[in-house]
Amino acid sequence: MRRAMGVALALLVGGLVVAGEAKEVTGTVKSVAGSTVVVTDKAAKDWAFAIDSKDTLIMAKGGRHKLDKAKADGKMPLLTDLIAEKQQVIVKYTEKDGKMTASEVRVTK
C-alpha cells in the first residue's frame, strides 16, 4: 500500500486479547474525547468505541510524522491529534460485557 494513501500508526500495538468476534462499522466521526470515539453510520446510528492506547491500531494519513514528532518531544500523540470530527472512518471492534472496544480505526477521508 502506498504511503501517500495512509500511514499505519500503532499507538502501541500488542496482541488484542478481547473475547468476541471482530465486527466493523463505517461512518463519520461525530466526536473524539479522552479515549472514546463516536461514529455515526449511514443509518444515523451513533456508535461509541473505547480506544485502548496499547491495543488499538490507528491508521491515518500523516500519522507516522505525528508519531515521530511526538516521540522526539518525549510524548505520545493524543487521540485528537490523529482522529478528528467529520472524518470518514472504518472501525473494527469487538464487544465484551456491553462495551465496544476498537481494535483498528482507519481514517479514509
PDB file of N, CA and C in Angstrom:
ATOM      1  N   MET A   1       0.845  -1.171   0.000  1.00  0.00           N
ATOM      2  CA  MET A   1       0.000   0.000   0.000  1.00  0.00           C
ATOM      3  C   MET A   1       0.890   1.233   0.000  1.00  0.00           C
ATOM      4  N   ARG A   2       0.524   2.220  -0.767  1.00  0.00           N
ATOM      5  CA  ARG A   2       1.336   3.431  -0.871  1.00  0.00           C
ATOM      6  C   ARG A   2       1.246   4.236   0.408  1.00  0.00           C
ATOM      7  N   ARG A   3       2.394   4.819   0.784  1.00  0.00           N
ATOM      8  CA  ARG A   3       2.426   5.641   1.988  1.00  0.00           C
ATOM      9  C   ARG A   3       1.518   6.844   1.864  1.00  0.00           C
ATOM     10  N   ALA A   4       1.393   7.388   0.650  1.00  0.00           N
ATOM     11  CA  ALA A   4       0.549   8.568   0.450  1.00  0.00           C
ATOM     12  C   ALA A   4      -0.912   8.259   0.738  1.00  0.00           C
ATOM     13  N   MET A   5      -1.323   7.016   0.594  1.00  0.00           N
ATOM     14  CA  MET A   5      -2.716   6.629   0.837  1.00  0.00           C
ATOM     15  C   MET A   5      -3.008   6.554   2.330  1.00  0.00           C
ATOM     16  N   GLY A   6      -2.025   6.305   3.121  1.00  0.00           N
ATOM     17  CA  GLY A   6      -2.259   6.214   4.569  1.00  0.00           C
ATOM     18  C   GLY A   6      -1.070   5.579   5.241  1.00  0.00           C
ATOM     19  N   VAL A   7      -0.788   6.027   6.410  1.00  0.00           N
ATOM     20  CA  VAL A   7       0.338   5.502   7.155  1.00  0.00           C
ATOM     21  C   VAL A   7      -0.208   4.811   8.396  1.00  0.00           C
ATOM     22  N   ALA A   8       0.203   3.588   8.568  1.00  0.00           N
ATOM     23  CA  ALA A   8      -0.257   2.853   9.742  1.00  0.00           C
ATOM     24  C   ALA A   8       0.473   3.388  10.964  1.00  0.00           C
ATOM     25  N   LEU A   9      -0.308   3.687  11.967  1.00  0.00           N
ATOM     26  CA  LEU A   9       0.262   4.203  13.207  1.00  0.00           C
ATOM     27  C   LEU A   9      -0.281   3.374  14.348  1.00  0.00           C
ATOM     28  N   ALA A  10       0.586   2.686  14.999  1.00  0.00           N
ATOM     29  CA  ALA A  10       0.156   1.918  16.166  1.00  0.00           C
ATOM     30  C   ALA A  10       0.505   2.726  17.398  1.00  0.00           C
ATOM     31  N   LEU A  11      -0.492   3.036  18.201  1.00  0.00           N
ATOM     32  CA  LEU A  11      -0.205   3.745  19.439  1.00  0.00           C
ATOM     33  C   LEU A  11       0.729   2.888  20.287  1.00  0.00           C
ATOM     34  N   LEU A  12       0.470   1.638  20.324  1.00  0.00           N
ATOM     35  CA  LEU A  12       1.368   0.639  20.865  1.00  0.00           C
ATOM     36  C   LEU A  12       0.670  -0.680  20.617  1.00  0.00           C
ATOM     37  N   VAL A  13       1.010  -1.290  19.495  1.00  0.00           N
ATOM     38  CA  VAL A  13       0.279  -2.464  19.062  1.00  0.00           C
ATOM     39  C   VAL A  13       0.746  -3.672  19.856  1.00  0.00           C
ATOM     40  N   GLY A  14      -0.205  -4.364  20.394  1.00  0.00           N
ATOM     41  CA  GLY A  14       0.069  -5.612  21.098  1.00  0.00           C
ATOM     42  C   GLY A  14      -0.950  -6.626  20.642  1.00  0.00           C
ATOM     43  N   GLY A  15      -0.893  -7.781  21.183  1.00  0.00           N
ATOM     44  CA  GLY A  15      -1.893  -8.784  20.841  1.00  0.00           C
ATOM     45  C   GLY A  15      -3.218  -8.399  21.457  1.00  0.00           C
ATOM     46  N   LEU A  16      -4.241  -8.346  20.667  1.00  0.00           N
ATOM     47  CA  LEU A  16      -5.557  -7.994  21.170  1.00  0.00           C
ATOM     48  C   LEU A  16      -6.134  -9.203  21.885  1.00  0.00           C
ATOM     49  N   VAL A  17      -6.372  -9.026  23.166  1.00  0.00           N
ATOM     50  CA  VAL A  17      -6.865 -10.128  23.971  1.00  0.00           C
ATOM     51  C   VAL A  17      -8.264  -9.774  24.460  1.00  0.00           C
ATOM     52  N   VAL A  18      -9.171  -9.675  23.527  1.00  0.00           N
ATOM     53  CA  VAL A  18     -10.552  -9.364  23.856  1.00  0.00           C
ATOM     54  C   VAL A  18     -11.404 -10.463  23.246  1.00  0.00           C
ATOM     55  N   ALA A  19     -12.255 -11.026  24.069  1.00  0.00           N
ATOM     56  CA  ALA A  19     -13.096 -12.111  23.582  1.00  0.00           C
ATOM     57  C   ALA A  19     -14.148 -11.568  22.627  1.00  0.00           C
ATOM     58  N   GLY A  20     -14.587 -12.393  21.715  1.00  0.00           N
ATOM     59  CA  GLY A  20     -15.649 -11.991  20.810  1.00  0.00           C
ATOM     60  C   GLY A  20     -15.164 -11.909  19.383  1.00  0.00           C
ATOM     61  N   GLU A  21     -16.126 -11.909  18.499  1.00  0.00           N
ATOM     62  CA  GLU A  21     -15.838 -11.855  17.073  1.00  0.00           C
ATOM     63  C   GLU A  21     -15.672 -10.404  16.630  1.00  0.00           C
ATOM     64  N   ALA A  22     -14.688 -10.152  15.786  1.00  0.00           N
ATOM     65  CA  ALA A  22     -14.458  -8.796  15.288  1.00  0.00           C
ATOM     66  C   ALA A  22     -15.599  -8.381  14.360  1.00  0.00           C
ATOM     67  N   LYS A  23     -16.045  -7.146  14.516  1.00  0.00           N
ATOM     68  CA  LYS A  23     -17.113  -6.573  13.707  1.00  0.00           C
ATOM     69  C   LYS A  23     -16.583  -5.280  13.104  1.00  0.00           C
ATOM     70  N   GLU A  24     -17.376  -4.659  12.229  1.00  0.00           N
ATOM     71  CA  GLU A  24     -16.905  -3.452  11.541  1.00  0.00           C
ATOM     72  C   GLU A  24     -18.048  -2.456  11.372  1.00  0.00           C
ATOM     73  N   VAL A  25     -17.711  -1.169  11.541  1.00  0.00           N
ATOM     74  CA  VAL A  25     -18.652  -0.068  11.317  1.00  0.00           C
ATOM     75  C   VAL A  25     -17.952   0.973  10.461  1.00  0.00           C
ATOM     76  N   THR A  26     -18.671   1.483   9.459  1.00  0.00           N
ATOM     77  CA  THR A  26     -18.166   2.562   8.619  1.00  0.00           C
ATOM     78  C   THR A  26     -19.046   3.773   8.856  1.00  0.00           C
ATOM     79  N   GLY A  27     -18.418   4.944   9.010  1.00  0.00           N
ATOM     80  CA  GLY A  27     -19.207   6.145   9.229  1.00  0.00           C
ATOM     81  C   GLY A  27     -18.355   7.385   9.364  1.00  0.00           C
ATOM     82  N   THR A  28     -18.985   8.416   9.928  1.00  0.00           N
ATOM     83  CA  THR A  28     -18.350   9.717  10.112  1.00  0.00           C
ATOM     84  C   THR A  28     -18.110   9.956  11.596  1.00  0.00           C
ATOM     85  N   VAL A  29     -16.923  10.466  11.933  1.00  0.00           N
ATOM     86  CA  VAL A  29     -16.611  10.745  13.330  1.00  0.00           C
ATOM     87  C   VAL A  29     -17.498  11.893  13.811  1.00  0.00           C
ATOM     88  N   LYS A  30     -18.254  11.622  14.848  1.00  0.00           N
ATOM     89  CA  LYS A  30     -19.122  12.632  15.453  1.00  0.00           C
ATOM     90  C   LYS A  30     -18.370  13.386  16.545  1.00  0.00           C
ATOM     91  N   SER A  31     -17.597  12.634  17.347  1.00  0.00           N
ATOM     92  CA  SER A  31     -16.821  13.274  18.412  1.00  0.00           C
ATOM     93  C   SER A  31     -15.646  12.405  18.821  1.00  0.00           C
ATOM     94  N   VAL A  32     -14.648  13.077  19.387  1.00  0.00           N
ATOM     95  CA  VAL A  32     -13.463  12.408  19.927  1.00  0.00           C
ATOM     96  C   VAL A  32     -13.182  13.065  21.268  1.00  0.00           C
ATOM     97  N   ALA A  33     -13.183  12.273  22.328  1.00  0.00           N
ATOM     98  CA  ALA A  33     -12.919  12.821  23.660  1.00  0.00           C
ATOM     99  C   ALA A  33     -12.244  11.760  24.512  1.00  0.00           C
ATOM    100  N   GLY A  34     -11.161  12.147  25.163  1.00  0.00           N
ATOM    101  CA  GLY A  34     -10.445  11.204  26.010  1.00  0.00           C
ATOM    102  C   GLY A  34     -10.016   9.987  25.223  1.00  0.00           C
ATOM    103  N   SER A  35     -10.543   8.838  25.584  1.00  0.00           N
ATOM    104  CA  SER A  35     -10.212   7.599  24.876  1.00  0.00           C
ATOM    105  C   SER A  35     -11.461   7.001  24.226  1.00  0.00           C
ATOM    106  N   THR A  36     -12.370   7.875  23.789  1.00  0.00           N
ATOM    107  CA  THR A  36     -13.607   7.430  23.145  1.00  0.00           C
ATOM    108  C   THR A  36     -13.812   8.143  21.817  1.00  0.00           C
ATOM    109  N   VAL A  37     -14.222   7.369  20.811  1.00  0.00           N
ATOM    110  CA  VAL A  37     -14.574   7.917  19.506  1.00  0.00           C
ATOM    111  C   VAL A  37     -16.023   7.532  19.237  1.00  0.00           C
ATOM    112  N   VAL A  38     -16.847   8.523  18.862  1.00  0.00           N
ATOM    113  CA  VAL A  38     -18.233   8.266  18.499  1.00  0.00           C
ATOM    114  C   VAL A  38     -18.355   8.425  16.993  1.00  0.00           C
ATOM    115  N   VAL A  39     -18.899   7.388  16.341  1.00  0.00           N
ATOM    116  CA  VAL A  39     -19.042   7.347  14.890  1.00  0.00           C
ATOM    117  C   VAL A  39     -20.525   7.234  14.548  1.00  0.00           C
ATOM    118  N   THR A  40     -20.961   8.027  13.560  1.00  0.00           N
ATOM    119  CA  THR A  40     -22.339   7.954  13.075  1.00  0.00           C
ATOM    120  C   THR A  40     -22.337   7.225  11.736  1.00  0.00           C
ATOM    121  N   ASP A  41     -23.140   6.147  11.644  1.00  0.00           N
ATOM    122  CA  ASP A  41     -23.183   5.378  10.400  1.00  0.00           C
ATOM    123  C   ASP A  41     -24.204   5.971   9.429  1.00  0.00           C
ATOM    124  N   LYS A  42     -24.372   5.354   8.263  1.00  0.00           N
ATOM    125  CA  LYS A  42     -25.280   5.864   7.221  1.00  0.00           C
ATOM    126  C   LYS A  42     -26.733   5.882   7.668  1.00  0.00           C
ATOM    127  N   ALA A  43     -27.085   5.037   8.617  1.00  0.00           N
ATOM    128  CA  ALA A  43     -28.458   4.987   9.131  1.00  0.00           C
ATOM    129  C   ALA A  43     -28.666   5.978  10.279  1.00  0.00           C
ATOM    130  N   ALA A  44     -27.680   6.857  10.517  1.00  0.00           N
ATOM    131  CA  ALA A  44     -27.705   7.884  11.564  1.00  0.00           C
ATOM    132  C   ALA A  44     -27.647   7.292  12.973  1.00  0.00           C
ATOM    133  N   LYS A  45     -27.127   6.086  13.089  1.00  0.00           N
ATOM    134  CA  LYS A  45     -26.940   5.464  14.403  1.00  0.00           C
ATOM    135  C   LYS A  45     -25.554   5.823  14.917  1.00  0.00           C
ATOM    136  N   ASP A  46     -25.492   6.222  16.191  1.00  0.00           N
ATOM    137  CA  ASP A  46     -24.211   6.548  16.820  1.00  0.00           C
ATOM    138  C   ASP A  46     -23.624   5.304  17.482  1.00  0.00           C
ATOM    139  N   TRP A  47     -22.323   5.134  17.295  1.00  0.00           N
ATOM    140  CA  TRP A  47     -21.572   4.027  17.862  1.00  0.00           C
ATOM    141  C   TRP A  47     -20.423   4.609  18.676  1.00  0.00           C
ATOM    142  N   ALA A  48     -20.324   4.270  19.958  1.00  0.00           N
ATOM    143  CA  ALA A  48     -19.241   4.758  20.817  1.00  0.00           C
ATOM    144  C   ALA A  48     -18.223   3.637  21.021  1.00  0.00           C
ATOM    145  N   PHE A  49     -16.986   3.926  20.699  1.00  0.00           N
ATOM    146  CA  PHE A  49     -15.916   2.937  20.809  1.00  0.00           C
ATOM    147  C   PHE A  49     -14.856   3.395  21.796  1.00  0.00           C
ATOM    148  N   ALA A  50     -14.441   2.481  22.657  1.00  0.00           N
ATOM    149  CA  ALA A  50     -13.307   2.740  23.531  1.00  0.00           C
ATOM    150  C   ALA A  50     -12.040   2.517  22.713  1.00  0.00           C
ATOM    151  N   ILE A  51     -11.064   3.384  22.921  1.00  0.00           N
ATOM    152  CA  ILE A  51      -9.768   3.267  22.260  1.00  0.00           C
ATOM    153  C   ILE A  51      -8.748   2.911  23.330  1.00  0.00           C
ATOM    154  N   ASP A  52      -8.051   1.820  23.132  1.00  0.00           N
ATOM    155  CA  ASP A  52      -7.045   1.359  24.080  1.00  0.00           C
ATOM    156  C   ASP A  52      -5.668   1.751  23.559  1.00  0.00           C
ATOM    157  N   SER A  53      -4.954   2.551  24.306  1.00  0.00           N
ATOM    158  CA  SER A  53      -3.654   3.045  23.831  1.00  0.00           C
ATOM    159  C   SER A  53      -2.642   1.929  23.605  1.00  0.00           C
ATOM    160  N   LYS A  54      -2.875   0.765  24.172  1.00  0.00           N
ATOM    161  CA  LYS A  54      -1.943  -0.344  23.988  1.00  0.00           C
ATOM    162  C   LYS A  54      -2.346  -1.280  22.860  1.00  0.00           C
ATOM    163  N   ASP A  55      -3.637  -1.364  22.567  1.00  0.00           N
ATOM    164  CA  ASP A  55      -4.101  -2.389  21.635  1.00  0.00           C
ATOM    165  C   ASP A  55      -4.795  -1.878  20.381  1.00  0.00           C
ATOM    166  N   THR A  56      -5.134  -0.607  20.308  1.00  0.00           N
ATOM    167  CA  THR A  56      -5.854  -0.097  19.148  1.00  0.00           C
ATOM    168  C   THR A  56      -4.876   0.424  18.105  1.00  0.00           C
ATOM    169  N   LEU A  57      -5.048  -0.042  16.879  1.00  0.00           N
ATOM    170  CA  LEU A  57      -4.227   0.415  15.755  1.00  0.00           C
ATOM    171  C   LEU A  57      -4.953   1.574  15.086  1.00  0.00           C
ATOM    172  N   ILE A  58      -4.281   2.723  14.985  1.00  0.00           N
ATOM    173  CA  ILE A  58      -4.840   3.896  14.321  1.00  0.00           C
ATOM    174  C   ILE A  58      -4.102   4.058  12.998  1.00  0.00           C
ATOM    175  N   MET A  59      -4.862   4.106  11.901  1.00  0.00           N
ATOM    176  CA  MET A  59      -4.258   4.272  10.583  1.00  0.00           C
ATOM    177  C   MET A  59      -4.782   5.574   9.995  1.00  0.00           C
ATOM    178  N   ALA A  60      -3.868   6.543   9.806  1.00  0.00           N
ATOM    179  CA  ALA A  60      -4.267   7.857   9.311  1.00  0.00           C
ATOM    180  C   ALA A  60      -3.147   8.452   8.472  1.00  0.00           C
ATOM    181  N   LYS A  61      -3.522   9.159   7.428  1.00  0.00           N
ATOM    182  CA  LYS A  61      -2.543   9.825   6.574  1.00  0.00           C
ATOM    183  C   LYS A  61      -1.756  10.829   7.428  1.00  0.00           C
ATOM    184  N   GLY A  62      -0.438  10.755   7.344  1.00  0.00           N
ATOM    185  CA  GLY A  62       0.421  11.655   8.111  1.00  0.00           C
ATOM    186  C   GLY A  62       0.638  11.206   9.546  1.00  0.00           C
ATOM    187  N   GLY A  63       0.074  10.085   9.918  1.00  0.00           N
ATOM    188  CA  GLY A  63       0.179   9.596  11.287  1.00  0.00           C
ATOM    189  C   GLY A  63       1.601   9.295  11.713  1.00  0.00           C
ATOM    190  N   ARG A  64       2.394   8.726  10.821  1.00  0.00           N
ATOM    191  CA  ARG A  64       3.789   8.399  11.145  1.00  0.00           C
ATOM    192  C   ARG A  64       4.571   9.660  11.499  1.00  0.00           C
ATOM    193  N   HIS A  65       4.353  10.751  10.752  1.00  0.00           N
ATOM    194  CA  HIS A  65       5.056  12.009  11.026  1.00  0.00           C
ATOM    195  C   HIS A  65       4.652  12.561  12.388  1.00  0.00           C
ATOM    196  N   LYS A  66       3.368  12.482  12.719  1.00  0.00           N
ATOM    197  CA  LYS A  66       2.899  12.959  14.019  1.00  0.00           C
ATOM    198  C   LYS A  66       3.490  12.130  15.145  1.00  0.00           C
ATOM    199  N   LEU A  67       3.562  10.818  14.941  1.00  0.00           N
ATOM    200  CA  LEU A  67       4.149   9.938  15.946  1.00  0.00           C
ATOM    201  C   LEU A  67       5.629  10.245  16.133  1.00  0.00           C
ATOM    202  N   ASP A  68       6.370  10.386  15.035  1.00  0.00           N
ATOM    203  CA  ASP A  68       7.800  10.694  15.118  1.00  0.00           C
ATOM    204  C   ASP A  68       8.051  12.018  15.820  1.00  0.00           C
ATOM    205  N   LYS A  69       7.250  13.033  15.509  1.00  0.00           N
ATOM    206  CA  LYS A  69       7.415  14.350  16.149  1.00  0.00           C
ATOM    207  C   LYS A  69       7.121  14.267  17.641  1.00  0.00           C
ATOM    208  N   ALA A  70       6.058  13.578  17.994  1.00  0.00           N
ATOM    209  CA  ALA A  70       5.705  13.432  19.404  1.00  0.00           C
ATOM    210  C   ALA A  70       6.793  12.692  20.169  1.00  0.00           C
ATOM    211  N   LYS A  71       7.328  11.615  19.576  1.00  0.00           N
ATOM    212  CA  LYS A  71       8.403  10.865  20.223  1.00  0.00           C
ATOM    213  C   LYS A  71       9.637  11.729  20.409  1.00  0.00           C
ATOM    214  N   ALA A  72       9.944  12.569  19.405  1.00  0.00           N
ATOM    215  CA  ALA A  72      11.098  13.468  19.504  1.00  0.00           C
ATOM    216  C   ALA A  72      10.912  14.461  20.644  1.00  0.00           C
ATOM    217  N   ASP A  73       9.649  14.809  20.919  1.00  0.00           N
ATOM    218  CA  ASP A  73       9.330  15.727  22.015  1.00  0.00           C
ATOM    219  C   ASP A  73       9.152  14.984  23.340  1.00  0.00           C
ATOM    220  N   GLY A  74       9.340  13.650  23.310  1.00  0.00           N
ATOM    221  CA  GLY A  74       9.203  12.856  24.519  1.00  0.00           C
ATOM    222  C   GLY A  74       7.759  12.600  24.916  1.00  0.00           C
ATOM    223  N   LYS A  75       6.831  12.636  23.965  1.00  0.00           N
ATOM    224  CA  LYS A  75       5.410  12.455  24.256  1.00  0.00           C
ATOM    225  C   LYS A  75       4.817  11.414  23.314  1.00  0.00           C
ATOM    226  N   MET A  76       3.587  11.045  23.599  1.00  0.00           N
ATOM    227  CA  MET A  76       2.790  10.229  22.686  1.00  0.00           C
ATOM    228  C   MET A  76       1.694  11.145  22.158  1.00  0.00           C
ATOM    229  N   PRO A  77       1.316  11.008  20.897  1.00  0.00           N
ATOM    230  CA  PRO A  77       0.252  11.878  20.365  1.00  0.00           C
ATOM    231  C   PRO A  77      -1.083  11.559  21.028  1.00  0.00           C
ATOM    232  N   LEU A  78      -1.905  12.576  21.147  1.00  0.00           N
ATOM    233  CA  LEU A  78      -3.257  12.392  21.673  1.00  0.00           C
ATOM    234  C   LEU A  78      -4.144  11.817  20.585  1.00  0.00           C
ATOM    235  N   LEU A  79      -5.224  11.214  20.984  1.00  0.00           N
ATOM    236  CA  LEU A  79      -6.171  10.667  20.025  1.00  0.00           C
ATOM    237  C   LEU A  79      -6.677  11.766  19.093  1.00  0.00           C
ATOM    238  N   THR A  80      -6.876  12.964  19.631  1.00  0.00           N
ATOM    239  CA  THR A  80      -7.361  14.085  18.821  1.00  0.00           C
ATOM    240  C   THR A  80      -6.319  14.584  17.829  1.00  0.00           C
ATOM    241  N   ASP A  81      -5.064  14.178  17.986  1.00  0.00           N
ATOM    242  CA  ASP A  81      -4.024  14.516  17.005  1.00  0.00           C
ATOM    243  C   ASP A  81      -4.144  13.637  15.760  1.00  0.00           C
ATOM    244  N   LEU A  82      -4.814  12.494  15.906  1.00  0.00           N
ATOM    245  CA  LEU A  82      -4.872  11.512  14.837  1.00  0.00           C
ATOM    246  C   LEU A  82      -6.248  11.374  14.196  1.00  0.00           C
ATOM    247  N   ILE A  83      -7.291  11.621  14.982  1.00  0.00           N
ATOM    248  CA  ILE A  83      -8.666  11.471  14.506  1.00  0.00           C
ATOM    249  C   ILE A  83      -9.425  12.749  14.833  1.00  0.00           C
ATOM    250  N   ALA A  84     -10.196  13.253  13.854  1.00  0.00           N
ATOM    251  CA  ALA A  84     -10.942  14.493  14.052  1.00  0.00           C
ATOM    252  C   ALA A  84     -12.404  14.319  13.632  1.00  0.00           C
ATOM    253  N   GLU A  85     -13.248  15.181  14.154  1.00  0.00           N
ATOM    254  CA  GLU A  85     -14.659  15.181  13.774  1.00  0.00           C
ATOM    255  C   GLU A  85     -14.793  15.356  12.262  1.00  0.00           C
ATOM    256  N   LYS A  86     -15.831  14.756  11.722  1.00  0.00           N
ATOM    257  CA  LYS A  86     -16.204  14.816  10.315  1.00  0.00           C
ATOM    258  C   LYS A  86     -15.332  13.967   9.391  1.00  0.00           C
ATOM    259  N   GLN A  87     -14.347  13.261   9.938  1.00  0.00           N
ATOM    260  CA  GLN A  87     -13.551  12.360   9.108  1.00  0.00           C
ATOM    261  C   GLN A  87     -14.335  11.069   8.878  1.00  0.00           C
ATOM    262  N   GLN A  88     -14.121  10.466   7.721  1.00  0.00           N
ATOM    263  CA  GLN A  88     -14.719   9.174   7.409  1.00  0.00           C
ATOM    264  C   GLN A  88     -13.787   8.095   7.961  1.00  0.00           C
ATOM    265  N   VAL A  89     -14.358   7.111   8.646  1.00  0.00           N
ATOM    266  CA  VAL A  89     -13.546   6.056   9.245  1.00  0.00           C
ATOM    267  C   VAL A  89     -14.191   4.685   9.069  1.00  0.00           C
ATOM    268  N   ILE A  90     -13.349   3.685   9.171  1.00  0.00           N
ATOM    269  CA  ILE A  90     -13.791   2.297   9.271  1.00  0.00           C
ATOM    270  C   ILE A  90     -13.243   1.813  10.602  1.00  0.00           C
ATOM    271  N   VAL A  91     -14.129   1.325  11.459  1.00  0.00           N
ATOM    272  CA  VAL A  91     -13.723   0.862  12.782  1.00  0.00           C
ATOM    273  C   VAL A  91     -13.971  -0.631  12.888  1.00  0.00           C
ATOM    274  N   LYS A  92     -12.924  -1.362  13.206  1.00  0.00           N
ATOM    275  CA  LYS A  92     -13.049  -2.783  13.516  1.00  0.00           C
ATOM    276  C   LYS A  92     -13.046  -2.869  15.037  1.00  0.00           C
ATOM    277  N   TYR A  93     -13.992  -3.649  15.580  1.00  0.00           N
ATOM    278  CA  TYR A  93     -14.127  -3.672  17.023  1.00  0.00           C
ATOM    279  C   TYR A  93     -14.596  -5.031  17.521  1.00  0.00           C
ATOM    280  N   THR A  94     -14.455  -5.206  18.822  1.00  0.00           N
ATOM    281  CA  THR A  94     -15.014  -6.367  19.500  1.00  0.00           C
ATOM    282  C   THR A  94     -15.885  -5.844  20.630  1.00  0.00           C
ATOM    283  N   GLU A  95     -16.807  -6.681  21.051  1.00  0.00           N
ATOM    284  CA  GLU A  95     -17.714  -6.284  22.118  1.00  0.00           C
ATOM    285  C   GLU A  95     -17.599  -7.285  23.256  1.00  0.00           C
ATOM    286  N   LYS A  96     -17.452  -6.762  24.457  1.00  0.00           N
ATOM    287  CA  LYS A  96     -17.361  -7.607  25.644  1.00  0.00           C
ATOM    288  C   LYS A  96     -18.055  -6.886  26.789  1.00  0.00           C
ATOM    289  N   ASP A  97     -18.950  -7.581  27.432  1.00  0.00           N
ATOM    290  CA  ASP A  97     -19.696  -7.030  28.569  1.00  0.00           C
ATOM    291  C   ASP A  97     -20.388  -5.719  28.205  1.00  0.00           C
ATOM    292  N   GLY A  98     -20.900  -5.639  26.979  1.00  0.00           N
ATOM    293  CA  GLY A  98     -21.626  -4.456  26.538  1.00  0.00           C
ATOM    294  C   GLY A  98     -20.756  -3.278  26.141  1.00  0.00           C
ATOM    295  N   LYS A  99     -19.453  -3.451  26.169  1.00  0.00           N
ATOM    296  CA  LYS A  99     -18.527  -2.371  25.818  1.00  0.00           C
ATOM    297  C   LYS A  99     -17.871  -2.681  24.473  1.00  0.00           C
ATOM    298  N   MET A 100     -17.909  -1.716  23.558  1.00  0.00           N
ATOM    299  CA  MET A 100     -17.281  -1.893  22.253  1.00  0.00           C
ATOM    300  C   MET A 100     -15.878  -1.274  22.297  1.00  0.00           C
ATOM    301  N   THR A 101     -14.886  -2.103  21.999  1.00  0.00           N
ATOM    302  CA  THR A 101     -13.503  -1.646  22.003  1.00  0.00           C
ATOM    303  C   THR A 101     -12.942  -1.769  20.592  1.00  0.00           C
ATOM    304  N   ALA A 102     -12.428  -0.654  20.072  1.00  0.00           N
ATOM    305  CA  ALA A 102     -11.869  -0.635  18.712  1.00  0.00           C
ATOM    306  C   ALA A 102     -10.537  -1.362  18.701  1.00  0.00           C
ATOM    307  N   SER A 103     -10.378  -2.277  17.759  1.00  0.00           N
ATOM    308  CA  SER A 103      -9.088  -2.917  17.557  1.00  0.00           C
ATOM    309  C   SER A 103      -8.320  -2.180  16.467  1.00  0.00           C
ATOM    310  N   GLU A 104      -9.073  -1.523  15.549  1.00  0.00           N
ATOM    311  CA  GLU A 104      -8.453  -0.763  14.463  1.00  0.00           C
ATOM    312  C   GLU A 104      -9.380   0.371  14.046  1.00  0.00           C
ATOM    313  N   VAL A 105      -8.802   1.556  13.842  1.00  0.00           N
ATOM    314  CA  VAL A 105      -9.536   2.698  13.286  1.00  0.00           C
ATOM    315  C   VAL A 105      -8.748   3.148  12.069  1.00  0.00           C
ATOM    316  N   ARG A 106      -9.407   3.087  10.893  1.00  0.00           N
ATOM    317  CA  ARG A 106      -8.756   3.505   9.663  1.00  0.00           C
ATOM    318  C   ARG A 106      -9.466   4.768   9.159  1.00  0.00           C
ATOM    319  N   VAL A 107      -8.716   5.882   9.103  1.00  0.00           N
ATOM    320  CA  VAL A 107      -9.260   7.133   8.583  1.00  0.00           C
ATOM    321  C   VAL A 107      -9.189   7.052   7.068  1.00  0.00           C
ATOM    322  N   THR A 108     -10.359   7.196   6.403  1.00  0.00           N
ATOM    323  CA  THR A 108     -10.401   7.065   4.955  1.00  0.00           C
ATOM    324  C   THR A 108     -10.483   8.417   4.267  1.00  0.00           C
ATOM    325  N   LYS A 109     -11.017   9.424   4.910  1.00  0.00           N
ATOM    326  CA  LYS A 109     -11.086  10.791   4.364  1.00  0.00           C
ATOM    327  C   LYS A 109     -11.008  11.808   5.453  1.00  0.00           C
TER     328      LYS A 109
END
